[in-house]
Amino acid sequence: MPKSTDKWENEGGSLEAPSSIPPGVVRHTEETFTVGSYRYTNLTAAVAEVKRSGRLHKS
């Protein structure tokens, strides 16, 4: 007998996985940008490095 598709297992969102991070430690996620072998957290700095290095390709 086929399963009903009117309800889904993931309906209502996801649950946070248990963390192995000890109390007192705060987890952060941040976006990074890579230019060559360098990493930047600031997009303006990454774009400036691309311009300095001559890697900027205009489309």
N, C-alpha and C. Protein backbone atom coordinates (compact mmCIF):
# COMPACT_ATOMS: atom_id res chain seq x y z
N MET A 1 0.84 -1.18 0.00
CA MET A 1 0.00 0.00 0.00
C MET A 1 0.89 1.25 0.00
N PRO A 2 0.67 2.18 -0.95
CA PRO A 2 1.50 3.39 -1.00
C PRO A 2 1.25 4.29 0.21
N LYS A 3 2.31 4.99 0.63
CA LYS A 3 2.19 5.91 1.75
C LYS A 3 1.47 7.18 1.31
N SER A 4 0.77 7.79 2.22
CA SER A 4 0.05 9.02 1.94
C SER A 4 1.04 10.18 1.79
N THR A 5 0.75 11.07 0.86
CA THR A 5 1.60 12.24 0.67
C THR A 5 0.97 13.51 1.23
N ASP A 6 -0.14 13.37 2.00
CA ASP A 6 -0.76 14.57 2.55
C ASP A 6 -0.04 15.06 3.81
N LYS A 7 0.88 14.27 4.36
CA LYS A 7 1.69 14.67 5.51
C LYS A 7 3.12 14.23 5.26
N TRP A 8 4.04 15.06 5.65
CA TRP A 8 5.45 14.77 5.44
C TRP A 8 6.16 14.71 6.77
N GLU A 9 7.21 13.92 6.85
CA GLU A 9 7.97 13.77 8.08
C GLU A 9 8.60 15.08 8.54
N ASN A 10 9.03 15.91 7.59
CA ASN A 10 9.74 17.13 7.96
C ASN A 10 8.80 18.33 8.12
N GLU A 11 7.53 18.11 8.07
CA GLU A 11 6.58 19.21 8.19
C GLU A 11 6.72 19.85 9.57
N GLY A 12 6.80 21.17 9.59
CA GLY A 12 6.91 21.87 10.86
C GLY A 12 8.32 22.30 11.21
N GLY A 13 9.26 22.05 10.34
CA GLY A 13 10.63 22.50 10.58
C GLY A 13 11.52 21.39 11.10
N SER A 14 12.76 21.76 11.32
CA SER A 14 13.73 20.77 11.77
C SER A 14 14.08 20.99 13.23
N LEU A 15 14.61 19.97 13.83
CA LEU A 15 15.07 20.06 15.21
C LEU A 15 16.57 20.30 15.21
N GLU A 16 17.04 21.05 16.19
CA GLU A 16 18.47 21.28 16.31
C GLU A 16 19.15 20.01 16.79
N ALA A 17 20.24 19.68 16.15
CA ALA A 17 21.00 18.50 16.56
C ALA A 17 21.66 18.78 17.91
N PRO A 18 21.81 17.76 18.74
CA PRO A 18 22.50 17.95 20.01
C PRO A 18 23.91 18.46 19.75
N SER A 19 24.37 19.36 20.58
CA SER A 19 25.67 19.98 20.37
C SER A 19 26.72 19.40 21.31
N SER A 20 27.93 19.25 20.81
CA SER A 20 29.03 18.82 21.66
C SER A 20 29.84 20.03 22.13
N ILE A 21 29.35 21.22 21.85
CA ILE A 21 30.04 22.44 22.28
C ILE A 21 29.73 22.66 23.76
N PRO A 22 30.76 22.84 24.57
CA PRO A 22 30.52 22.99 26.00
C PRO A 22 29.89 24.35 26.34
N PRO A 23 29.20 24.43 27.47
CA PRO A 23 28.64 25.71 27.90
C PRO A 23 29.74 26.76 28.04
N GLY A 24 29.44 27.98 27.68
CA GLY A 24 30.42 29.06 27.74
C GLY A 24 31.11 29.30 26.41
N VAL A 25 30.94 28.41 25.45
CA VAL A 25 31.50 28.58 24.11
C VAL A 25 30.35 28.90 23.18
N VAL A 26 30.50 29.99 22.41
CA VAL A 26 29.45 30.43 21.50
C VAL A 26 29.86 30.10 20.08
N ARG A 27 28.97 29.45 19.35
CA ARG A 27 29.24 29.08 17.96
C ARG A 27 28.76 30.21 17.05
N HIS A 28 29.60 30.57 16.07
CA HIS A 28 29.26 31.59 15.08
C HIS A 28 29.44 31.01 13.69
N THR A 29 28.59 31.40 12.79
CA THR A 29 28.80 31.05 11.39
C THR A 29 28.95 32.37 10.64
N GLU A 30 29.92 32.44 9.80
CA GLU A 30 30.10 33.66 9.03
C GLU A 30 30.53 33.31 7.61
N GLU A 31 30.14 34.17 6.71
CA GLU A 31 30.45 33.99 5.30
C GLU A 31 31.91 34.38 5.05
N THR A 32 32.60 33.59 4.24
CA THR A 32 33.96 33.94 3.86
C THR A 32 34.06 33.97 2.34
N PHE A 33 35.02 34.74 1.87
CA PHE A 33 35.26 34.90 0.44
C PHE A 33 36.72 34.53 0.19
N THR A 34 36.97 33.73 -0.82
CA THR A 34 38.32 33.29 -1.13
C THR A 34 38.79 33.91 -2.44
N VAL A 35 39.99 34.47 -2.40
CA VAL A 35 40.63 35.02 -3.59
C VAL A 35 42.02 34.41 -3.62
N GLY A 36 42.24 33.52 -4.57
CA GLY A 36 43.51 32.80 -4.59
C GLY A 36 43.64 31.98 -3.32
N SER A 37 44.73 32.18 -2.59
CA SER A 37 44.92 31.44 -1.34
C SER A 37 44.52 32.25 -0.11
N TYR A 38 43.94 33.44 -0.33
CA TYR A 38 43.54 34.31 0.78
C TYR A 38 42.06 34.18 1.07
N ARG A 39 41.69 34.30 2.34
CA ARG A 39 40.29 34.28 2.75
C ARG A 39 39.93 35.61 3.39
N TYR A 40 38.74 36.08 3.09
CA TYR A 40 38.25 37.35 3.62
C TYR A 40 36.87 37.16 4.21
N THR A 41 36.55 37.90 5.27
CA THR A 41 35.20 37.92 5.81
C THR A 41 34.49 39.19 5.35
N ASN A 42 35.21 40.05 4.66
CA ASN A 42 34.66 41.30 4.18
C ASN A 42 34.66 41.27 2.65
N LEU A 43 33.49 41.38 2.04
CA LEU A 43 33.39 41.31 0.58
C LEU A 43 34.14 42.44 -0.10
N THR A 44 34.09 43.63 0.47
CA THR A 44 34.79 44.78 -0.12
C THR A 44 36.30 44.51 -0.19
N ALA A 45 36.86 43.93 0.85
CA ALA A 45 38.29 43.61 0.85
C ALA A 45 38.61 42.53 -0.18
N ALA A 46 37.73 41.55 -0.33
CA ALA A 46 37.95 40.49 -1.32
C ALA A 46 37.91 41.05 -2.74
N VAL A 47 36.97 41.94 -3.00
CA VAL A 47 36.87 42.55 -4.33
C VAL A 47 38.10 43.41 -4.60
N ALA A 48 38.56 44.13 -3.59
CA ALA A 48 39.77 44.95 -3.75
C ALA A 48 40.98 44.07 -4.09
N GLU A 49 41.08 42.90 -3.46
CA GLU A 49 42.18 41.99 -3.76
C GLU A 49 42.10 41.46 -5.18
N VAL A 50 40.89 41.17 -5.65
CA VAL A 50 40.71 40.72 -7.02
C VAL A 50 41.18 41.80 -7.99
N LYS A 51 40.81 43.04 -7.71
CA LYS A 51 41.22 44.16 -8.58
C LYS A 51 42.74 44.33 -8.56
N ARG A 52 43.33 44.26 -7.38
CA ARG A 52 44.80 44.42 -7.25
C ARG A 52 45.53 43.31 -7.99
N SER A 53 45.00 42.10 -7.91
CA SER A 53 45.69 40.95 -8.50
C SER A 53 45.45 40.82 -10.01
N GLY A 54 44.51 41.60 -10.53
CA GLY A 54 44.21 41.51 -11.95
C GLY A 54 43.35 40.32 -12.31
N ARG A 55 42.70 39.71 -11.34
CA ARG A 55 41.86 38.53 -11.58
C ARG A 55 40.43 38.87 -11.92
N LEU A 56 40.07 40.13 -11.91
CA LEU A 56 38.70 40.55 -12.15
C LEU A 56 38.37 40.34 -13.63
N HIS A 57 37.33 39.58 -13.90
CA HIS A 57 36.87 39.32 -15.26
C HIS A 57 35.56 40.04 -15.47
N LYS A 58 35.52 40.92 -16.42
CA LYS A 58 34.28 41.63 -16.73
C LYS A 58 33.45 40.78 -17.69
N SER A 59 32.13 40.69 -17.41
CA SER A 59 31.28 39.91 -18.32
C SER A 59 30.37 40.81 -19.10
